[in-house]
PDB file of N, CA and C in Angstrom:
ATOM      1  N   MET A   1     -75.715   5.436 -39.939  1.00  0.00           N
ATOM      2  CA  MET A   1     -74.405   5.280 -39.357  1.00  0.00           C
ATOM      3  C   MET A   1     -73.927   3.837 -39.468  1.00  0.00           C
ATOM      4  N   GLN A   2     -74.814   2.900 -39.181  1.00  0.00           N
ATOM      5  CA  GLN A   2     -74.378   1.513 -39.199  1.00  0.00           C
ATOM      6  C   GLN A   2     -74.013   1.057 -40.601  1.00  0.00           C
ATOM      7  N   ALA A   3     -74.683   1.606 -41.592  1.00  0.00           N
ATOM      8  CA  ALA A   3     -74.359   1.218 -42.960  1.00  0.00           C
ATOM      9  C   ALA A   3     -72.962   1.691 -43.344  1.00  0.00           C
ATOM     10  N   ILE A   4     -72.507   2.766 -42.758  1.00  0.00           N
ATOM     11  CA  ILE A   4     -71.188   3.298 -43.073  1.00  0.00           C
ATOM     12  C   ILE A   4     -70.108   2.574 -42.294  1.00  0.00           C
ATOM     13  N   TYR A   5     -70.329   2.380 -40.978  1.00  0.00           N
ATOM     14  CA  TYR A   5     -69.285   1.867 -40.100  1.00  0.00           C
ATOM     15  C   TYR A   5     -69.447   0.389 -39.732  1.00  0.00           C
ATOM     16  N   GLY A   6     -70.535  -0.233 -40.128  1.00  0.00           N
ATOM     17  CA  GLY A   6     -70.775  -1.622 -39.768  1.00  0.00           C
ATOM     18  C   GLY A   6     -71.806  -1.688 -38.658  1.00  0.00           C
ATOM     19  N   PHE A   7     -72.484  -2.819 -38.574  1.00  0.00           N
ATOM     20  CA  PHE A   7     -73.600  -2.931 -37.653  1.00  0.00           C
ATOM     21  C   PHE A   7     -73.178  -2.973 -36.192  1.00  0.00           C
ATOM     22  N   HIS A   8     -71.977  -3.415 -35.892  1.00  0.00           N
ATOM     23  CA  HIS A   8     -71.550  -3.488 -34.505  1.00  0.00           C
ATOM     24  C   HIS A   8     -70.598  -2.362 -34.129  1.00  0.00           C
ATOM     25  N   ALA A   9     -70.350  -1.422 -35.031  1.00  0.00           N
ATOM     26  CA  ALA A   9     -69.424  -0.328 -34.759  1.00  0.00           C
ATOM     27  C   ALA A   9     -70.087   0.799 -33.975  1.00  0.00           C
ATOM     28  N   VAL A  10     -71.394   0.935 -34.097  1.00  0.00           N
ATOM     29  CA  VAL A  10     -72.102   2.014 -33.418  1.00  0.00           C
ATOM     30  C   VAL A  10     -72.648   1.455 -32.114  1.00  0.00           C
ATOM     31  N   SER A  11     -72.169   1.979 -30.985  1.00  0.00           N
ATOM     32  CA  SER A  11     -72.556   1.413 -29.694  1.00  0.00           C
ATOM     33  C   SER A  11     -73.754   2.123 -29.066  1.00  0.00           C
ATOM     34  N   THR A  12     -74.032   3.347 -29.459  1.00  0.00           N
ATOM     35  CA  THR A  12     -75.154   4.075 -28.882  1.00  0.00           C
ATOM     36  C   THR A  12     -75.917   4.778 -29.995  1.00  0.00           C
ATOM     37  N   SER A  13     -77.104   5.193 -29.645  1.00  0.00           N
ATOM     38  CA  SER A  13     -77.916   5.944 -30.599  1.00  0.00           C
ATOM     39  C   SER A  13     -77.343   7.344 -30.760  1.00  0.00           C
ATOM     40  N   PRO A  14     -77.567   7.954 -31.913  1.00  0.00           N
ATOM     41  CA  PRO A  14     -77.110   9.335 -32.081  1.00  0.00           C
ATOM     42  C   PRO A  14     -77.819  10.253 -31.091  1.00  0.00           C
ATOM     43  N   THR A  15     -77.125  11.242 -30.603  1.00  0.00           N
ATOM     44  CA  THR A  15     -77.717  12.218 -29.693  1.00  0.00           C
ATOM     45  C   THR A  15     -77.631  13.591 -30.319  1.00  0.00           C
ATOM     46  N   GLU A  16     -78.586  14.407 -29.970  1.00  0.00           N
ATOM     47  CA  GLU A  16     -78.617  15.757 -30.511  1.00  0.00           C
ATOM     48  C   GLU A  16     -77.736  16.663 -29.664  1.00  0.00           C
ATOM     49  N   VAL A  17     -76.887  17.418 -30.321  1.00  0.00           N
ATOM     50  CA  VAL A  17     -76.011  18.354 -29.631  1.00  0.00           C
ATOM     51  C   VAL A  17     -76.455  19.754 -29.988  1.00  0.00           C
ATOM     52  N   ARG A  18     -76.681  20.543 -28.955  1.00  0.00           N
ATOM     53  CA  ARG A  18     -77.105  21.919 -29.187  1.00  0.00           C
ATOM     54  C   ARG A  18     -76.055  22.852 -28.628  1.00  0.00           C
ATOM     55  N   GLU A  19     -75.741  23.845 -29.388  1.00  0.00           N
ATOM     56  CA  GLU A  19     -74.821  24.868 -28.933  1.00  0.00           C
ATOM     57  C   GLU A  19     -75.593  26.170 -28.802  1.00  0.00           C
ATOM     58  N   GLU A  20     -75.363  26.835 -27.708  1.00  0.00           N
ATOM     59  CA  GLU A  20     -76.028  28.109 -27.481  1.00  0.00           C
ATOM     60  C   GLU A  20     -75.214  29.218 -28.140  1.00  0.00           C
ATOM     61  N   PHE A  21     -75.870  29.970 -28.976  1.00  0.00           N
ATOM     62  CA  PHE A  21     -75.224  31.105 -29.627  1.00  0.00           C
ATOM     63  C   PHE A  21     -75.743  32.380 -28.993  1.00  0.00           C
ATOM     64  N   THR A  22     -74.835  33.224 -28.641  1.00  0.00           N
ATOM     65  CA  THR A  22     -75.219  34.505 -28.063  1.00  0.00           C
ATOM     66  C   THR A  22     -74.636  35.606 -28.935  1.00  0.00           C
ATOM     67  N   LEU A  23     -75.024  36.805 -28.638  1.00  0.00           N
ATOM     68  CA  LEU A  23     -74.486  37.929 -29.391  1.00  0.00           C
ATOM     69  C   LEU A  23     -72.994  38.089 -29.145  1.00  0.00           C
ATOM     70  N   GLU A  24     -72.528  37.659 -27.992  1.00  0.00           N
ATOM     71  CA  GLU A  24     -71.106  37.758 -27.696  1.00  0.00           C
ATOM     72  C   GLU A  24     -70.280  36.907 -28.653  1.00  0.00           C
ATOM     73  N   ASN A  25     -70.810  35.759 -29.034  1.00  0.00           N
ATOM     74  CA  ASN A  25     -70.088  34.875 -29.942  1.00  0.00           C
ATOM     75  C   ASN A  25     -69.987  35.448 -31.348  1.00  0.00           C
ATOM     76  N   HIS A  26     -70.940  36.252 -31.726  1.00  0.00           N
ATOM     77  CA  HIS A  26     -70.983  36.752 -33.102  1.00  0.00           C
ATOM     78  C   HIS A  26     -70.769  38.260 -33.200  1.00  0.00           C
ATOM     79  N   SER A  27     -70.296  38.867 -32.152  1.00  0.00           N
ATOM     80  CA  SER A  27     -70.158  40.316 -32.181  1.00  0.00           C
ATOM     81  C   SER A  27     -69.008  40.758 -33.091  1.00  0.00           C
ATOM     82  N   GLN A  28     -67.913  39.983 -33.136  1.00  0.00           N
ATOM     83  CA  GLN A  28     -66.767  40.333 -33.963  1.00  0.00           C
ATOM     84  C   GLN A  28     -66.559  39.268 -35.036  1.00  0.00           C
ATOM     85  N   PRO A  29     -66.494  39.662 -36.292  1.00  0.00           N
ATOM     86  CA  PRO A  29     -66.157  38.667 -37.304  1.00  0.00           C
ATOM     87  C   PRO A  29     -64.695  38.226 -37.130  1.00  0.00           C
ATOM     88  N   THR A  30     -64.453  36.971 -37.406  1.00  0.00           N
ATOM     89  CA  THR A  30     -63.083  36.483 -37.234  1.00  0.00           C
ATOM     90  C   THR A  30     -62.227  36.889 -38.424  1.00  0.00           C
ATOM     91  N   THR A  31     -60.994  37.175 -38.130  1.00  0.00           N
ATOM     92  CA  THR A  31     -60.060  37.541 -39.197  1.00  0.00           C
ATOM     93  C   THR A  31     -59.575  36.265 -39.880  1.00  0.00           C
ATOM     94  N   PRO A  32     -59.017  36.377 -41.064  1.00  0.00           N
ATOM     95  CA  PRO A  32     -58.476  35.183 -41.721  1.00  0.00           C
ATOM     96  C   PRO A  32     -57.426  34.465 -40.862  1.00  0.00           C
ATOM     97  N   GLU A  33     -56.646  35.220 -40.107  1.00  0.00           N
ATOM     98  CA  GLU A  33     -55.646  34.607 -39.227  1.00  0.00           C
ATOM     99  C   GLU A  33     -56.311  33.805 -38.118  1.00  0.00           C
ATOM    100  N   GLN A  34     -57.395  34.350 -37.542  1.00  0.00           N
ATOM    101  CA  GLN A  34     -58.122  33.640 -36.500  1.00  0.00           C
ATOM    102  C   GLN A  34     -58.800  32.389 -37.064  1.00  0.00           C
ATOM    103  N   GLN A  35     -59.340  32.512 -38.264  1.00  0.00           N
ATOM    104  CA  GLN A  35     -59.957  31.355 -38.905  1.00  0.00           C
ATOM    105  C   GLN A  35     -58.937  30.265 -39.163  1.00  0.00           C
ATOM    106  N   ARG A  36     -57.738  30.655 -39.596  1.00  0.00           N
ATOM    107  CA  ARG A  36     -56.681  29.675 -39.849  1.00  0.00           C
ATOM    108  C   ARG A  36     -56.295  28.954 -38.564  1.00  0.00           C
ATOM    109  N   ILE A  37     -56.165  29.691 -37.460  1.00  0.00           N
ATOM    110  CA  ILE A  37     -55.830  29.069 -36.178  1.00  0.00           C
ATOM    111  C   ILE A  37     -56.932  28.103 -35.749  1.00  0.00           C
ATOM    112  N   THR A  38     -58.178  28.533 -35.905  1.00  0.00           N
ATOM    113  CA  THR A  38     -59.302  27.668 -35.549  1.00  0.00           C
ATOM    114  C   THR A  38     -59.286  26.392 -36.387  1.00  0.00           C
ATOM    115  N   ASN A  39     -59.040  26.531 -37.687  1.00  0.00           N
ATOM    116  CA  ASN A  39     -59.001  25.357 -38.561  1.00  0.00           C
ATOM    117  C   ASN A  39     -57.827  24.441 -38.221  1.00  0.00           C
ATOM    118  N   LEU A  40     -56.679  25.022 -37.894  1.00  0.00           N
ATOM    119  CA  LEU A  40     -55.521  24.203 -37.518  1.00  0.00           C
ATOM    120  C   LEU A  40     -55.772  23.459 -36.207  1.00  0.00           C
ATOM    121  N   LYS A  41     -56.423  24.117 -35.251  1.00  0.00           N
ATOM    122  CA  LYS A  41     -56.758  23.445 -33.992  1.00  0.00           C
ATOM    123  C   LYS A  41     -57.725  22.289 -34.242  1.00  0.00           C
ATOM    124  N   ALA A  42     -58.700  22.511 -35.100  1.00  0.00           N
ATOM    125  CA  ALA A  42     -59.659  21.449 -35.412  1.00  0.00           C
ATOM    126  C   ALA A  42     -58.960  20.284 -36.107  1.00  0.00           C
ATOM    127  N   ALA A  43     -58.046  20.583 -37.023  1.00  0.00           N
ATOM    128  CA  ALA A  43     -57.300  19.530 -37.707  1.00  0.00           C
ATOM    129  C   ALA A  43     -56.427  18.759 -36.722  1.00  0.00           C
ATOM    130  N   LYS A  44     -55.827  19.464 -35.773  1.00  0.00           N
ATOM    131  CA  LYS A  44     -55.011  18.820 -34.737  1.00  0.00           C
ATOM    132  C   LYS A  44     -55.869  17.869 -33.908  1.00  0.00           C
ATOM    133  N   ASP A  45     -57.056  18.308 -33.540  1.00  0.00           N
ATOM    134  CA  ASP A  45     -57.955  17.467 -32.746  1.00  0.00           C
ATOM    135  C   ASP A  45     -58.391  16.230 -33.533  1.00  0.00           C
ATOM    136  N   ARG A  46     -58.694  16.421 -34.824  1.00  0.00           N
ATOM    137  CA  ARG A  46     -59.078  15.273 -35.650  1.00  0.00           C
ATOM    138  C   ARG A  46     -57.930  14.279 -35.773  1.00  0.00           C
ATOM    139  N   ALA A  47     -56.700  14.793 -35.961  1.00  0.00           N
ATOM    140  CA  ALA A  47     -55.530  13.921 -36.073  1.00  0.00           C
ATOM    141  C   ALA A  47     -55.290  13.182 -34.763  1.00  0.00           C
ATOM    142  N   SER A  48     -55.468  13.862 -33.644  1.00  0.00           N
ATOM    143  CA  SER A  48     -55.302  13.231 -32.337  1.00  0.00           C
ATOM    144  C   SER A  48     -56.323  12.115 -32.137  1.00  0.00           C
ATOM    145  N   ASP A  49     -57.564  12.369 -32.516  1.00  0.00           N
ATOM    146  CA  ASP A  49     -58.609  11.346 -32.409  1.00  0.00           C
ATOM    147  C   ASP A  49     -58.309  10.158 -33.322  1.00  0.00           C
ATOM    148  N   ALA A  50     -57.837  10.440 -34.530  1.00  0.00           N
ATOM    149  CA  ALA A  50     -57.517   9.365 -35.465  1.00  0.00           C
ATOM    150  C   ALA A  50     -56.346   8.525 -34.947  1.00  0.00           C
ATOM    151  N   LEU A  51     -55.359   9.174 -34.346  1.00  0.00           N
ATOM    152  CA  LEU A  51     -54.217   8.467 -33.784  1.00  0.00           C
ATOM    153  C   LEU A  51     -54.652   7.567 -32.642  1.00  0.00           C
ATOM    154  N   LYS A  52     -55.493   8.071 -31.758  1.00  0.00           N
ATOM    155  CA  LYS A  52     -55.983   7.272 -30.639  1.00  0.00           C
ATOM    156  C   LYS A  52     -56.783   6.078 -31.154  1.00  0.00           C
ATOM    157  N   ALA A  53     -57.637   6.301 -32.145  1.00  0.00           N
ATOM    158  CA  ALA A  53     -58.437   5.212 -32.700  1.00  0.00           C
ATOM    159  C   ALA A  53     -57.549   4.151 -33.342  1.00  0.00           C
ATOM    160  N   GLU A  54     -56.512   4.566 -34.048  1.00  0.00           N
ATOM    161  CA  GLU A  54     -55.607   3.611 -34.681  1.00  0.00           C
ATOM    162  C   GLU A  54     -54.831   2.807 -33.638  1.00  0.00           C
ATOM    163  N   ARG A  55     -54.366   3.472 -32.590  1.00  0.00           N
ATOM    164  CA  ARG A  55     -53.662   2.747 -31.521  1.00  0.00           C
ATOM    165  C   ARG A  55     -54.582   1.744 -30.848  1.00  0.00           C
ATOM    166  N   ASP A  56     -55.817   2.147 -30.588  1.00  0.00           N
ATOM    167  CA  ASP A  56     -56.784   1.228 -29.981  1.00  0.00           C
ATOM    168  C   ASP A  56     -57.060   0.044 -30.904  1.00  0.00           C
ATOM    169  N   ARG A  57     -57.179   0.309 -32.202  1.00  0.00           N
ATOM    170  CA  ARG A  57     -57.433  -0.764 -33.166  1.00  0.00           C
ATOM    171  C   ARG A  57     -56.273  -1.759 -33.180  1.00  0.00           C
ATOM    172  N   GLN A  58     -55.047  -1.237 -33.182  1.00  0.00           N
ATOM    173  CA  GLN A  58     -53.877  -2.113 -33.203  1.00  0.00           C
ATOM    174  C   GLN A  58     -53.760  -2.923 -31.913  1.00  0.00           C
ATOM    175  N   LYS A  59     -54.068  -2.312 -30.772  1.00  0.00           N
ATOM    176  CA  LYS A  59     -54.039  -3.050 -29.503  1.00  0.00           C
ATOM    177  C   LYS A  59     -55.079  -4.158 -29.511  1.00  0.00           C
ATOM    178  N   LYS A  60     -56.252  -3.859 -30.032  1.00  0.00           N
ATOM    179  CA  LYS A  60     -57.316  -4.861 -30.096  1.00  0.00           C
ATOM    180  C   LYS A  60     -56.901  -6.017 -30.995  1.00  0.00           C
ATOM    181  N   ASN A  61     -56.329  -5.706 -32.153  1.00  0.00           N
ATOM    182  CA  ASN A  61     -55.880  -6.760 -33.067  1.00  0.00           C
ATOM    183  C   ASN A  61     -54.787  -7.608 -32.438  1.00  0.00           C
ATOM    184  N   GLN A  62     -53.864  -6.984 -31.724  1.00  0.00           N
ATOM    185  CA  GLN A  62     -52.794  -7.733 -31.062  1.00  0.00           C
ATOM    186  C   GLN A  62     -53.363  -8.640 -29.979  1.00  0.00           C
ATOM    187  N   ALA A  63     -54.321  -8.150 -29.223  1.00  0.00           N
ATOM    188  CA  ALA A  63     -54.947  -8.962 -28.185  1.00  0.00           C
ATOM    189  C   ALA A  63     -55.675 -10.148 -28.802  1.00  0.00           C
ATOM    190  N   LEU A  64     -56.354  -9.931 -29.924  1.00  0.00           N
ATOM    191  CA  LEU A  64     -57.036 -11.034 -30.596  1.00  0.00           C
ATOM    192  C   LEU A  64     -56.041 -12.071 -31.098  1.00  0.00           C
ATOM    193  N   LYS A  65     -54.905 -11.632 -31.639  1.00  0.00           N
ATOM    194  CA  LYS A  65     -53.867 -12.563 -32.078  1.00  0.00           C
ATOM    195  C   LYS A  65     -53.347 -13.386 -30.909  1.00  0.00           C
ATOM    196  N   ASN A  66     -53.132 -12.715 -29.774  1.00  0.00           N
ATOM    197  CA  ASN A  66     -52.651 -13.424 -28.594  1.00  0.00           C
ATOM    198  C   ASN A  66     -53.658 -14.472 -28.132  1.00  0.00           C
ATOM    199  N   LEU A  67     -54.941 -14.118 -28.122  1.00  0.00           N
ATOM    200  CA  LEU A  67     -55.972 -15.072 -27.744  1.00  0.00           C
ATOM    201  C   LEU A  67     -56.030 -16.243 -28.710  1.00  0.00           C
ATOM    202  N   GLN A  68     -55.925 -15.961 -29.997  1.00  0.00           N
ATOM    203  CA  GLN A  68     -55.961 -17.028 -30.992  1.00  0.00           C
ATOM    204  C   GLN A  68     -54.773 -17.961 -30.838  1.00  0.00           C
ATOM    205  N   SER A  69     -53.595 -17.406 -30.557  1.00  0.00           N
ATOM    206  CA  SER A  69     -52.431 -18.256 -30.385  1.00  0.00           C
ATOM    207  C   SER A  69     -52.559 -19.098 -29.114  1.00  0.00           C
ATOM    208  N   LEU A  70     -53.135 -18.528 -28.053  1.00  0.00           N
ATOM    209  CA  LEU A  70     -53.355 -19.303 -26.840  1.00  0.00           C
ATOM    210  C   LEU A  70     -54.377 -20.415 -27.071  1.00  0.00           C
ATOM    211  N   ASN A  71     -55.429 -20.107 -27.834  1.00  0.00           N
ATOM    212  CA  ASN A  71     -56.426 -21.119 -28.145  1.00  0.00           C
ATOM    213  C   ASN A  71     -55.845 -22.245 -28.973  1.00  0.00           C
ATOM    214  N   SER A  72     -54.984 -21.930 -29.920  1.00  0.00           N
ATOM    215  CA  SER A  72     -54.381 -22.971 -30.758  1.00  0.00           C
ATOM    216  C   SER A  72     -53.419 -23.830 -29.945  1.00  0.00           C
ATOM    217  N   ILE A  73     -52.730 -23.231 -28.964  1.00  0.00           N
ATOM    218  CA  ILE A  73     -51.829 -24.006 -28.096  1.00  0.00           C
ATOM    219  C   ILE A  73     -52.649 -24.953 -27.224  1.00  0.00           C
ATOM    220  N   ASP A  74     -53.770 -24.455 -26.680  1.00  0.00           N
ATOM    221  CA  ASP A  74     -54.633 -25.289 -25.827  1.00  0.00           C
ATOM    222  C   ASP A  74     -55.246 -26.439 -26.602  1.00  0.00           C
ATOM    223  N   GLN A  75     -55.565 -26.233 -27.860  1.00  0.00           N
ATOM    224  CA  GLN A  75     -56.189 -27.274 -28.668  1.00  0.00           C
ATOM    225  C   GLN A  75     -55.194 -28.379 -29.013  1.00  0.00           C
ATOM    226  N   HIS A  76     -53.911 -28.054 -29.073  1.00  0.00           N
ATOM    227  CA  HIS A  76     -52.908 -29.048 -29.417  1.00  0.00           C
ATOM    228  C   HIS A  76     -52.481 -29.896 -28.237  1.00  0.00           C
ATOM    229  N   LYS A  77     -52.895 -29.536 -27.037  1.00  0.00           N
ATOM    230  CA  LYS A  77     -52.508 -30.299 -25.843  1.00  0.00           C
ATOM    231  C   LYS A  77     -53.388 -31.496 -25.642  1.00  0.00           C
TER     232      LYS A  77
END
């Protein structure tokens, strides 16, 4: 993970996620329409996560710019 995202981008160790599958979950095969809805919901969630990450990144960059400008003003005094 760190090689992909950078050494300081990963804040915690990977954790194992287990999902319980029961016969109820697999009793009916999904129709193509149901699969399409599921895929669209997943795409919506991914887009929402990407939007939040981008907004957070931009806020962080703006805060860093503000700090740098304050530091440069303090150094000139």
